[in-house]
Amino acid sequence: MPLLLDFSNETLYLIIQNIHPHDILNFSLCRKEIHLLTKETLKEVKTWEQAYTHVVLHGCHRHQKNSHPLRLIRDIWMDWRIGEFPKSLEVECCNVDENKSDNKDDDKENEAEQREDDNTIRTIMQDIESYTKQRAATTGYLPSSELDDFCDLIKKGYRAAMIGLLLLFLPNLEKLSLQDYTWNASRLGKMIGTIAGQDLRRNPPRSNGLSKLSQIQILGSEVNRQGEDFEFLVQFAALPSMRTLRGKYVVALDDDDSMIWPFGSRVSDVTEITLHQSAVGISPLTQIFSGIHALKRFTYSHGQFFPDNSTMKAHKIIGALLEHAGESLEYVALTGYCSDRFPEQDDHYNKGSLQGFRVLKEAFLHSAIHVDWVPYDGSSTNPDGGIYGDGYQEAIRALVDILPGSIETVRLIGEDVVRHLDSLLANLWEQKHLRLSKLNNIIVHAHLMLAHRPWVRSLTQLCDSIGVTLEFR
């Protein structure tokens, strides 16, 4: 076998071009002569790393050409090494409704942009269509018939189909973010659902595409009251590499009890779900909880921006978490729009108790979650009788009666959190060492001026005496 330096420079250049870009530096250091030959390649690798590590694309034709998904596929077609660099892919969309435009100049500009985009697609696809089909086929994810369908959709201008195939060409992609885009990307969701439905652990694909994708994030905006599609998170959840699902302004209000985990016996390894300013019904949440093997963190902030003006059903959410993540959940946060005035809408036998969780360490809760309305005893005048009816009054459930023995930190928030604080902390100093020996922090998110009231200072001193820090933020 000849020594490396016995090869001609032309042969060495071919070898260099086929070395993984993450290994090229080590290869260049093996000999001075090799270092000289790899000098230009090292510069290229540095340029590619800066240009392609974080990629931003757009979901429609109204943007700069360099944000076109097909251009990135063409770059990879020209040099496979470019596809090794992207770790984060962000897809944005301007959410312009063409049917509502009354400006003729805007319409003409849009038509011109659309024609230019059609020409870009036609030109690039002439170069890369056969490569795209061949490369996608080698992954083993999709049959050739579906690849043909995707290429047809690409030629018709569907960006979601372009982005779907692009994902198969980015083996080191770790994070995908979709902003104002999910309702226009059903074909992407369908493709991911098809892939996720396969048993990739038992029958691994022939390539490592999607093998490192561990986080999906879908972001909506307050302006778009339709919200983003929660079903997208469900489709990605079953990918073997997926660990974190994040969303903001996400909606799924369908409380159909027949909703089930769509991947059968295929379980998800997701460990964290975070939903901010969202409105997701209990059935969609239960659907995804039931498919996850060991959820560790769940953060949910209920938004009031949706037309139905729904309130968070915290008791039912806690009940679903207890059923499907009682042995694994370490952190839970339930905040946002939460009302204790309509208990019949959130009726659950557990009444929001966290005692069934085995390893829960931290809870961030709206104080209204543990306010019950009970029959009024009639011993005194009900101050709220004119509003809420003469027959009911507030009954606050004490923390010592609802928290698990594993809890270490509790955070409380809500309009009435300070008013309820004395009742929430009832019996804590007598029962702490018996029931909550690990509890060491109670953090109240309220106006700091309230912390200087005499009765609050007394509560703080009592907590200090039993080894619990009561803090106001």
Protein backbone atom coordinates (compact mmCIF):
# COMPACT_ATOMS: atom_id res chain seq x y z
CA MET A 1 0.00 0.00 0.00
CA PRO A 2 1.58 3.34 -1.01
CA LEU A 3 2.31 6.05 1.52
CA LEU A 4 -0.04 9.02 1.53
CA LEU A 5 2.56 11.41 0.15
CA ASP A 6 3.30 9.05 -2.72
CA PHE A 7 0.01 10.10 -4.31
CA SER A 8 -0.10 12.98 -6.76
CA ASN A 9 -1.43 16.34 -5.57
CA GLU A 10 -4.54 15.84 -7.72
CA THR A 11 -5.30 12.58 -5.92
CA LEU A 12 -4.62 14.18 -2.55
CA TYR A 13 -7.03 16.99 -3.39
CA LEU A 14 -9.73 14.41 -4.13
CA ILE A 15 -9.05 12.75 -0.77
CA ILE A 16 -9.21 16.11 1.01
CA GLN A 17 -12.58 16.94 -0.59
CA ASN A 18 -14.06 13.73 0.78
CA ILE A 19 -12.87 14.15 4.36
CA HIS A 20 -15.57 15.21 6.78
CA PRO A 21 -15.19 18.96 7.51
CA HIS A 22 -15.04 18.26 11.25
CA ASP A 23 -11.98 16.06 10.69
CA ILE A 24 -10.10 18.19 8.19
CA LEU A 25 -8.16 20.17 10.80
CA ASN A 26 -6.73 17.05 12.42
CA PHE A 27 -5.87 15.68 8.99
CA SER A 28 -4.08 18.90 8.03
CA LEU A 29 -1.81 18.66 11.07
CA CYS A 30 -0.41 15.23 10.27
CA ARG A 31 2.33 16.54 7.93
CA LYS A 32 3.56 19.94 6.82
CA GLU A 33 3.02 19.02 3.17
CA ILE A 34 -0.58 18.01 3.91
CA HIS A 35 -1.17 21.26 5.79
CA LEU A 36 -0.11 23.26 2.74
CA LEU A 37 -2.48 21.29 0.53
CA THR A 38 -5.43 21.76 2.92
CA LYS A 39 -4.90 25.47 3.50
CA GLU A 40 -7.63 26.59 1.09
CA THR A 41 -10.01 23.89 2.30
CA LEU A 42 -9.58 25.05 5.90
CA LYS A 43 -10.56 28.57 4.82
CA GLU A 44 -13.62 27.18 3.03
CA VAL A 45 -14.64 25.20 6.08
CA LYS A 46 -14.40 28.31 8.26
CA THR A 47 -16.53 30.28 5.80
CA TRP A 48 -19.13 27.52 5.60
CA GLU A 49 -19.27 27.23 9.38
CA GLN A 50 -20.07 30.93 9.70
CA ALA A 51 -22.60 30.91 6.85
CA TYR A 52 -24.47 27.68 7.47
CA THR A 53 -24.46 26.81 11.19
CA HIS A 54 -27.66 28.81 11.77
CA VAL A 55 -29.88 28.87 8.69
CA VAL A 56 -32.91 31.15 8.26
CA LEU A 57 -35.38 30.34 5.48
CA HIS A 58 -38.76 31.78 4.62
CA GLY A 59 -42.07 30.10 4.04
CA CYS A 60 -43.21 32.08 0.99
CA HIS A 61 -41.88 33.90 -2.07
CA ARG A 62 -41.89 37.44 -0.61
CA HIS A 63 -38.31 37.39 0.63
CA GLN A 64 -34.72 37.65 -0.50
CA LYS A 65 -33.47 34.94 -2.82
CA ASN A 66 -30.81 33.76 -0.38
CA SER A 67 -33.58 32.53 1.94
CA HIS A 68 -34.94 30.07 -0.64
CA PRO A 69 -34.87 26.40 0.53
CA LEU A 70 -33.92 25.14 -2.94
CA ARG A 71 -30.81 27.30 -2.96
CA LEU A 72 -29.52 25.50 0.11
CA ILE A 73 -30.31 22.11 -1.46
CA ARG A 74 -28.41 23.25 -4.55
CA ASP A 75 -25.44 24.31 -2.41
CA ILE A 76 -25.39 20.81 -0.89
CA TRP A 77 -25.68 19.30 -4.38
CA MET A 78 -22.60 21.28 -5.43
CA ASP A 79 -20.62 20.26 -2.31
CA TRP A 80 -21.94 17.64 0.13
CA ARG A 81 -19.86 19.07 2.97
CA ILE A 82 -22.11 22.13 3.25
CA GLY A 83 -24.93 19.91 4.52
CA GLU A 84 -22.80 18.89 7.51
CA PHE A 85 -22.81 22.38 9.08
CA PRO A 86 -26.42 23.41 9.83
CA LYS A 87 -27.33 22.83 13.48
CA SER A 88 -30.27 25.20 13.66
CA LEU A 89 -32.92 25.86 11.01
CA GLU A 90 -35.45 28.66 11.38
CA VAL A 91 -38.40 29.00 9.02
CA GLU A 92 -40.29 32.30 9.11
CA CYS A 93 -43.34 33.48 7.22
CA CYS A 94 -44.80 36.94 6.77
CA ASN A 95 -48.40 35.66 6.95
CA VAL A 96 -49.71 37.97 4.22
CA ASP A 97 -53.24 37.11 3.13
CA GLU A 98 -53.29 37.67 -0.62
CA ASN A 99 -57.10 37.50 -0.73
CA LYS A 100 -57.48 40.53 1.55
CA SER A 101 -55.25 42.93 -0.35
CA ASP A 102 -56.99 46.05 -1.74
CA ASN A 103 -53.80 47.63 -3.05
CA LYS A 104 -53.32 47.04 -6.79
CA ASP A 105 -49.65 48.01 -6.59
CA ASP A 106 -49.11 45.36 -3.92
CA ASP A 107 -50.90 42.83 -6.09
CA LYS A 108 -48.67 43.63 -9.06
CA GLU A 109 -45.56 43.40 -6.89
CA ASN A 110 -46.72 40.06 -5.52
CA GLU A 111 -47.36 38.74 -9.04
CA ALA A 112 -43.87 39.80 -10.12
CA GLU A 113 -42.32 38.13 -7.07
CA GLN A 114 -44.33 34.98 -7.73
CA ARG A 115 -43.15 34.81 -11.35
CA GLU A 116 -39.55 35.28 -10.23
CA ASP A 117 -39.96 32.55 -7.63
CA ASP A 118 -41.45 30.20 -10.23
CA ASN A 119 -38.47 30.85 -12.49
CA THR A 120 -36.05 30.19 -9.61
CA ILE A 121 -37.74 26.88 -8.82
CA ARG A 122 -37.80 25.80 -12.46
CA THR A 123 -34.12 26.68 -13.00
CA ILE A 124 -32.83 25.01 -9.83
CA MET A 125 -34.97 21.88 -10.16
CA GLN A 126 -33.60 21.27 -13.65
CA ASP A 127 -30.19 20.92 -12.02
CA ILE A 128 -31.00 19.07 -8.82
CA GLU A 129 -34.18 17.01 -9.28
CA SER A 130 -32.46 13.70 -10.04
CA TYR A 131 -29.92 14.31 -7.23
CA THR A 132 -32.70 15.22 -4.80
CA LYS A 133 -34.64 12.02 -5.49
CA GLN A 134 -31.54 9.85 -5.33
CA ARG A 135 -30.22 11.43 -2.13
CA ALA A 136 -33.63 11.31 -0.42
CA ALA A 137 -34.13 7.69 -1.50
CA THR A 138 -30.85 6.64 0.13
CA THR A 139 -32.19 7.71 3.54
CA GLY A 140 -34.71 4.87 3.45
CA TYR A 141 -37.39 7.05 5.05
CA LEU A 142 -39.85 7.42 2.17
CA PRO A 143 -40.89 5.25 -0.80
CA SER A 144 -40.04 6.51 -4.29
CA SER A 145 -43.70 7.26 -5.03
CA GLU A 146 -43.87 9.75 -2.15
CA LEU A 147 -40.58 11.30 -3.22
CA ASP A 148 -42.04 11.80 -6.69
CA ASP A 149 -45.07 13.48 -5.13
CA PHE A 150 -42.86 15.78 -3.07
CA CYS A 151 -40.83 16.79 -6.12
CA ASP A 152 -44.06 17.55 -7.99
CA LEU A 153 -45.18 19.75 -5.10
CA ILE A 154 -41.82 21.50 -5.09
CA LYS A 155 -42.16 22.34 -8.77
CA LYS A 156 -45.58 23.81 -7.98
CA GLY A 157 -43.98 26.12 -5.41
CA TYR A 158 -44.87 24.44 -2.09
CA ARG A 159 -42.17 25.57 0.34
CA ALA A 160 -43.21 23.02 2.98
CA ALA A 161 -42.30 20.20 0.58
CA MET A 162 -38.91 21.82 -0.09
CA ILE A 163 -38.19 22.16 3.63
CA GLY A 164 -39.33 18.59 4.27
CA LEU A 165 -36.82 17.14 1.81
CA LEU A 166 -34.13 19.56 2.99
CA LEU A 167 -34.37 18.10 6.51
CA LEU A 168 -33.24 14.74 5.13
CA PHE A 169 -30.02 16.36 3.88
CA LEU A 170 -28.98 17.95 7.20
CA PRO A 171 -27.57 15.11 9.36
CA ASN A 172 -26.33 17.38 12.16
CA LEU A 173 -29.47 19.50 12.54
CA GLU A 174 -30.38 19.79 16.23
CA LYS A 175 -33.07 22.48 16.35
CA LEU A 176 -35.97 23.39 14.06
CA SER A 177 -38.01 26.55 14.59
CA LEU A 178 -41.20 27.39 12.68
CA GLN A 179 -42.57 30.92 13.07
CA ASP A 180 -46.07 31.85 11.85
CA TYR A 181 -45.92 28.89 9.52
CA THR A 182 -47.56 25.70 10.77
CA TRP A 183 -50.94 26.19 9.07
CA ASN A 184 -49.14 26.47 5.71
CA ALA A 185 -46.92 23.46 6.28
CA SER A 186 -49.28 20.49 6.41
CA ARG A 187 -47.18 18.58 3.88
CA LEU A 188 -44.12 18.94 6.09
CA GLY A 189 -46.08 17.67 9.09
CA LYS A 190 -47.41 14.74 7.06
CA MET A 191 -43.89 13.75 5.97
CA ILE A 192 -42.55 13.90 9.54
CA GLY A 193 -45.54 11.90 10.76
CA THR A 194 -44.83 9.21 8.15
CA ILE A 195 -41.20 9.00 9.23
CA ALA A 196 -41.99 9.11 12.95
CA GLY A 197 -44.53 6.32 12.53
CA GLN A 198 -41.80 3.89 11.48
CA ASP A 199 -39.93 1.85 14.08
CA LEU A 200 -36.59 3.55 13.46
CA ARG A 201 -34.99 1.88 16.49
CA ARG A 202 -35.65 -1.62 15.19
CA ASN A 203 -35.17 -0.76 11.49
CA PRO A 204 -32.69 2.14 11.40
CA PRO A 205 -32.60 4.21 8.19
CA ARG A 206 -29.70 3.98 5.79
CA SER A 207 -28.59 7.55 6.52
CA ASN A 208 -28.29 9.70 9.62
CA GLY A 209 -30.72 12.39 8.47
CA LEU A 210 -32.95 13.62 11.33
CA SER A 211 -30.88 11.52 13.76
CA LYS A 212 -29.83 14.54 15.86
CA LEU A 213 -32.96 16.67 15.67
CA SER A 214 -33.75 17.03 19.37
CA GLN A 215 -35.76 20.27 19.61
CA ILE A 216 -38.74 21.65 17.69
CA GLN A 217 -40.11 25.10 18.38
CA ILE A 218 -43.26 26.62 16.89
CA LEU A 219 -43.88 30.31 17.44
CA GLY A 220 -47.00 32.29 16.73
CA SER A 221 -47.77 35.93 17.38
CA GLU A 222 -50.37 37.83 19.36
CA VAL A 223 -51.52 39.51 16.16
CA ASN A 224 -52.52 36.20 14.60
CA ARG A 225 -55.38 35.11 16.85
CA GLN A 226 -55.66 31.81 15.03
CA GLY A 227 -52.56 30.60 16.88
CA GLU A 228 -50.18 27.90 15.67
CA ASP A 229 -51.04 24.23 15.19
CA PHE A 230 -50.29 22.06 18.24
CA GLU A 231 -50.59 18.94 16.07
CA PHE A 232 -47.17 19.81 14.61
CA LEU A 233 -45.54 19.11 17.95
CA VAL A 234 -47.30 15.76 18.13
CA GLN A 235 -45.95 14.74 14.70
CA PHE A 236 -42.35 15.49 15.69
CA ALA A 237 -42.63 13.95 19.17
CA ALA A 238 -42.13 10.36 18.00
CA LEU A 239 -38.80 10.97 16.27
CA PRO A 240 -36.24 8.88 18.24
CA SER A 241 -33.91 11.86 18.73
CA MET A 242 -36.59 14.33 19.86
CA ARG A 243 -36.27 15.57 23.46
CA THR A 244 -37.78 19.08 23.68
CA LEU A 245 -41.06 20.49 22.34
CA ARG A 246 -41.55 24.25 22.63
CA GLY A 247 -44.38 26.50 21.52
CA LYS A 248 -45.74 30.02 21.90
CA TYR A 249 -49.25 31.06 20.89
CA VAL A 250 -50.14 27.44 20.15
CA VAL A 251 -53.73 26.28 19.95
CA ALA A 252 -55.61 22.98 20.08
CA LEU A 253 -59.03 23.47 21.61
CA ASP A 254 -60.61 20.22 20.47
CA ASP A 255 -61.67 18.35 23.61
CA ASP A 256 -62.73 15.23 21.75
CA ASP A 257 -62.22 12.33 24.16
CA SER A 258 -61.49 10.00 21.25
CA MET A 259 -58.12 11.67 20.52
CA ILE A 260 -55.34 9.10 20.98
CA TRP A 261 -51.59 8.90 20.49
CA PRO A 262 -51.29 8.46 16.69
CA PHE A 263 -48.20 6.24 16.70
CA GLY A 264 -49.58 3.16 18.43
CA SER A 265 -46.99 1.35 20.54
CA ARG A 266 -44.22 3.71 19.41
CA VAL A 267 -43.23 5.70 22.50
CA SER A 268 -41.61 9.12 22.57
CA ASP A 269 -38.40 9.98 24.42
CA VAL A 270 -39.37 13.64 24.82
CA THR A 271 -38.41 14.90 28.29
CA GLU A 272 -39.61 18.53 28.16
CA ILE A 273 -42.70 20.34 26.87
CA THR A 274 -42.97 24.13 27.12
CA LEU A 275 -46.06 26.01 25.93
CA HIS A 276 -46.27 29.78 26.55
CA GLN A 277 -49.35 31.94 25.98
CA SER A 278 -51.14 28.95 24.49
CA ALA A 279 -54.61 27.43 24.62
CA VAL A 280 -54.45 23.65 24.40
CA GLY A 281 -57.38 21.51 25.48
CA ILE A 282 -57.06 18.61 27.88
CA SER A 283 -57.64 15.96 25.19
CA PRO A 284 -54.75 17.10 22.95
CA LEU A 285 -52.49 17.31 26.01
CA THR A 286 -53.51 13.85 27.17
CA GLN A 287 -52.92 12.57 23.65
CA ILE A 288 -49.26 13.59 23.73
CA PHE A 289 -48.71 12.72 27.43
CA SER A 290 -49.89 9.18 26.77
CA GLY A 291 -47.22 8.63 24.12
CA ILE A 292 -44.24 9.91 26.13
CA HIS A 293 -42.15 7.42 28.07
CA ALA A 294 -40.79 9.65 30.84
CA LEU A 295 -41.70 13.34 30.72
CA LYS A 296 -39.56 15.32 33.17
CA ARG A 297 -40.56 18.97 32.67
CA PHE A 298 -43.91 20.51 31.72
CA THR A 299 -44.44 24.26 31.46
CA TYR A 300 -47.81 25.65 30.44
CA SER A 301 -48.96 29.26 30.37
CA HIS A 302 -52.58 29.64 29.29
CA GLY A 303 -53.20 32.56 26.95
CA GLN A 304 -56.38 34.62 26.82
CA PHE A 305 -55.86 35.86 23.28
CA PHE A 306 -58.05 33.25 21.56
CA PRO A 307 -61.64 34.05 20.55
CA ASP A 308 -63.22 31.50 22.88
CA ASN A 309 -61.65 33.24 25.91
CA SER A 310 -61.16 29.87 27.61
CA THR A 311 -59.61 29.41 31.03
CA MET A 312 -56.93 26.89 31.95
CA LYS A 313 -58.28 23.56 33.19
CA ALA A 314 -55.46 23.08 35.68
CA HIS A 315 -57.04 20.27 37.71
CA LYS A 316 -57.55 18.16 34.60
CA ILE A 317 -54.01 18.88 33.37
CA ILE A 318 -52.56 17.80 36.71
CA GLY A 319 -54.72 14.68 36.61
CA ALA A 320 -53.45 13.79 33.12
CA LEU A 321 -49.85 14.38 34.19
CA LEU A 322 -50.33 12.16 37.24
CA GLU A 323 -51.67 9.38 35.05
CA HIS A 324 -48.95 9.50 32.41
CA ALA A 325 -45.91 11.14 34.09
CA GLY A 326 -46.44 10.52 37.80
CA GLU A 327 -43.23 8.51 38.11
CA SER A 328 -40.97 10.85 36.09
CA LEU A 329 -42.09 14.50 36.31
CA GLU A 330 -39.56 16.71 38.12
CA TYR A 331 -40.87 20.19 37.24
CA VAL A 332 -44.33 21.56 36.51
CA ALA A 333 -45.46 25.13 35.83
CA LEU A 334 -49.14 26.04 35.35
CA THR A 335 -49.66 29.78 35.00
CA GLY A 336 -51.49 32.28 32.79
CA TYR A 337 -55.24 32.83 32.61
CA CYS A 338 -56.67 30.75 35.44
CA SER A 339 -60.03 31.35 37.07
CA ASP A 340 -61.46 29.72 40.17
CA ARG A 341 -64.97 31.04 39.46
CA PHE A 342 -66.13 28.18 37.23
CA PRO A 343 -65.10 24.96 39.03
CA GLU A 344 -67.55 22.82 37.07
CA GLN A 345 -65.44 23.39 33.91
CA ASP A 346 -62.38 21.90 35.60
CA ASP A 347 -63.93 19.11 37.60
CA HIS A 348 -61.45 16.35 38.47
CA TYR A 349 -61.48 14.00 41.44
CA ASN A 350 -57.88 14.91 42.29
CA LYS A 351 -58.74 18.62 42.69
CA GLY A 352 -55.25 19.72 41.65
CA SER A 353 -53.35 17.78 44.30
CA LEU A 354 -49.71 17.04 43.45
CA GLN A 355 -49.25 14.35 46.10
CA GLY A 356 -49.15 11.47 43.63
CA PHE A 357 -45.95 12.65 41.93
CA ARG A 358 -42.98 10.56 43.02
CA VAL A 359 -39.98 12.76 42.06
CA LEU A 360 -41.47 16.25 41.60
CA LYS A 361 -38.93 18.81 42.84
CA GLU A 362 -40.31 22.17 41.73
CA ALA A 363 -43.80 23.52 41.07
CA PHE A 364 -44.77 26.95 39.71
CA LEU A 365 -48.51 27.38 40.22
CA HIS A 366 -51.27 29.94 39.86
CA SER A 367 -52.77 30.44 43.31
CA ALA A 368 -56.31 30.03 41.95
CA ILE A 369 -55.62 26.35 41.25
CA HIS A 370 -56.10 25.52 44.90
CA VAL A 371 -59.11 27.71 45.63
CA ASP A 372 -62.34 25.75 45.97
CA TRP A 373 -65.88 27.13 46.15
CA VAL A 374 -67.71 25.35 48.95
CA PRO A 375 -71.22 25.78 50.41
CA TYR A 376 -71.39 28.86 52.61
CA ASP A 377 -71.87 28.01 56.29
CA GLY A 378 -74.01 31.06 57.05
CA SER A 379 -72.12 32.05 60.19
CA SER A 380 -71.44 35.53 58.78
CA THR A 381 -72.34 37.68 55.81
CA ASN A 382 -70.82 36.54 52.53
CA PRO A 383 -69.02 39.60 51.05
CA ASP A 384 -69.15 38.11 47.55
CA GLY A 385 -72.73 36.96 47.72
CA GLY A 386 -74.03 39.53 45.27
CA ILE A 387 -71.60 38.40 42.59
CA TYR A 388 -71.02 34.69 43.05
CA GLY A 389 -74.20 33.67 44.83
CA ASP A 390 -75.02 33.62 48.54
CA GLY A 391 -74.46 29.91 48.89
CA TYR A 392 -70.70 29.61 48.25
CA GLN A 393 -67.43 30.88 49.68
CA GLU A 394 -63.72 30.43 49.05
CA ALA A 395 -61.92 27.51 50.63
CA ILE A 396 -58.14 27.54 50.25
CA ARG A 397 -56.32 24.21 50.20
CA ALA A 398 -53.12 24.34 52.25
CA LEU A 399 -49.80 23.45 50.60
CA VAL A 400 -49.07 20.77 53.19
CA ASP A 401 -52.16 18.92 51.98
CA ILE A 402 -51.43 19.03 48.24
CA LEU A 403 -47.63 18.87 47.77
CA PRO A 404 -45.62 15.64 47.44
CA GLY A 405 -42.85 14.74 49.85
CA SER A 406 -40.22 15.15 47.10
CA ILE A 407 -40.92 18.87 46.58
CA GLU A 408 -38.05 21.32 47.14
CA THR A 409 -39.25 24.62 45.66
CA VAL A 410 -42.72 26.12 45.21
CA ARG A 411 -43.46 29.26 43.20
CA LEU A 412 -46.84 30.97 43.49
CA ILE A 413 -48.38 33.61 41.22
CA GLY A 414 -51.81 35.16 40.73
CA GLU A 415 -53.85 38.26 41.47
CA ASP A 416 -54.92 36.98 44.89
CA VAL A 417 -51.77 35.11 45.84
CA VAL A 418 -50.94 37.40 48.78
CA ARG A 419 -54.55 37.42 50.01
CA HIS A 420 -54.51 33.60 49.94
CA LEU A 421 -50.98 33.22 51.31
CA ASP A 422 -51.89 32.79 54.98
CA SER A 423 -54.31 29.97 54.10
CA LEU A 424 -51.89 28.36 51.64
CA LEU A 425 -49.22 28.20 54.33
CA ALA A 426 -51.59 26.95 57.04
CA ASN A 427 -50.09 24.24 59.30
CA LEU A 428 -46.77 24.42 57.43
CA TRP A 429 -44.71 25.04 60.56
CA GLU A 430 -46.35 22.13 62.38
CA GLN A 431 -46.37 19.65 59.47
CA LYS A 432 -43.26 20.59 57.46
CA HIS A 433 -40.91 18.01 58.96
CA LEU A 434 -43.57 15.30 58.79
CA ARG A 435 -44.80 15.78 55.22
CA LEU A 436 -42.46 18.16 53.38
CA SER A 437 -39.00 17.56 54.79
CA LYS A 438 -37.27 18.55 51.51
CA LEU A 439 -39.14 21.83 51.01
CA ASN A 440 -36.72 24.74 51.38
CA ASN A 441 -38.00 27.56 49.11
CA ILE A 442 -41.37 29.27 48.64
CA ILE A 443 -41.22 32.07 46.09
CA VAL A 444 -44.17 34.44 45.73
CA HIS A 445 -44.43 36.46 42.53
CA ALA A 446 -46.24 39.59 43.72
CA HIS A 447 -45.65 43.31 44.15
CA LEU A 448 -42.57 43.78 46.33
CA MET A 449 -44.35 46.41 48.46
CA LEU A 450 -46.58 43.64 49.82
CA ALA A 451 -43.59 41.94 51.36
CA HIS A 452 -43.27 44.75 53.92
CA ARG A 453 -46.68 44.28 55.48
CA PRO A 454 -46.42 43.21 59.14
CA TRP A 455 -48.33 39.96 58.73
CA VAL A 456 -46.16 39.01 55.74
CA ARG A 457 -43.03 39.63 57.79
CA SER A 458 -44.45 37.37 60.49
CA LEU A 459 -45.02 34.60 57.93
CA THR A 460 -41.46 35.04 56.67
CA GLN A 461 -40.06 34.68 60.19
CA LEU A 462 -42.15 31.58 60.86
CA CYS A 463 -40.89 30.01 57.62
CA ASP A 464 -37.30 30.84 58.55
CA SER A 465 -37.76 29.08 61.87
CA ILE A 466 -38.52 25.78 60.10
CA GLY A 467 -35.81 26.09 57.43
CA VAL A 468 -37.96 27.43 54.59
CA THR A 469 -37.06 30.63 52.75
CA LEU A 470 -40.13 32.73 51.90
CA GLU A 471 -39.15 35.10 49.10
CA PHE A 472 -41.07 37.79 47.20
CA ARG A 473 -40.25 38.72 43.61
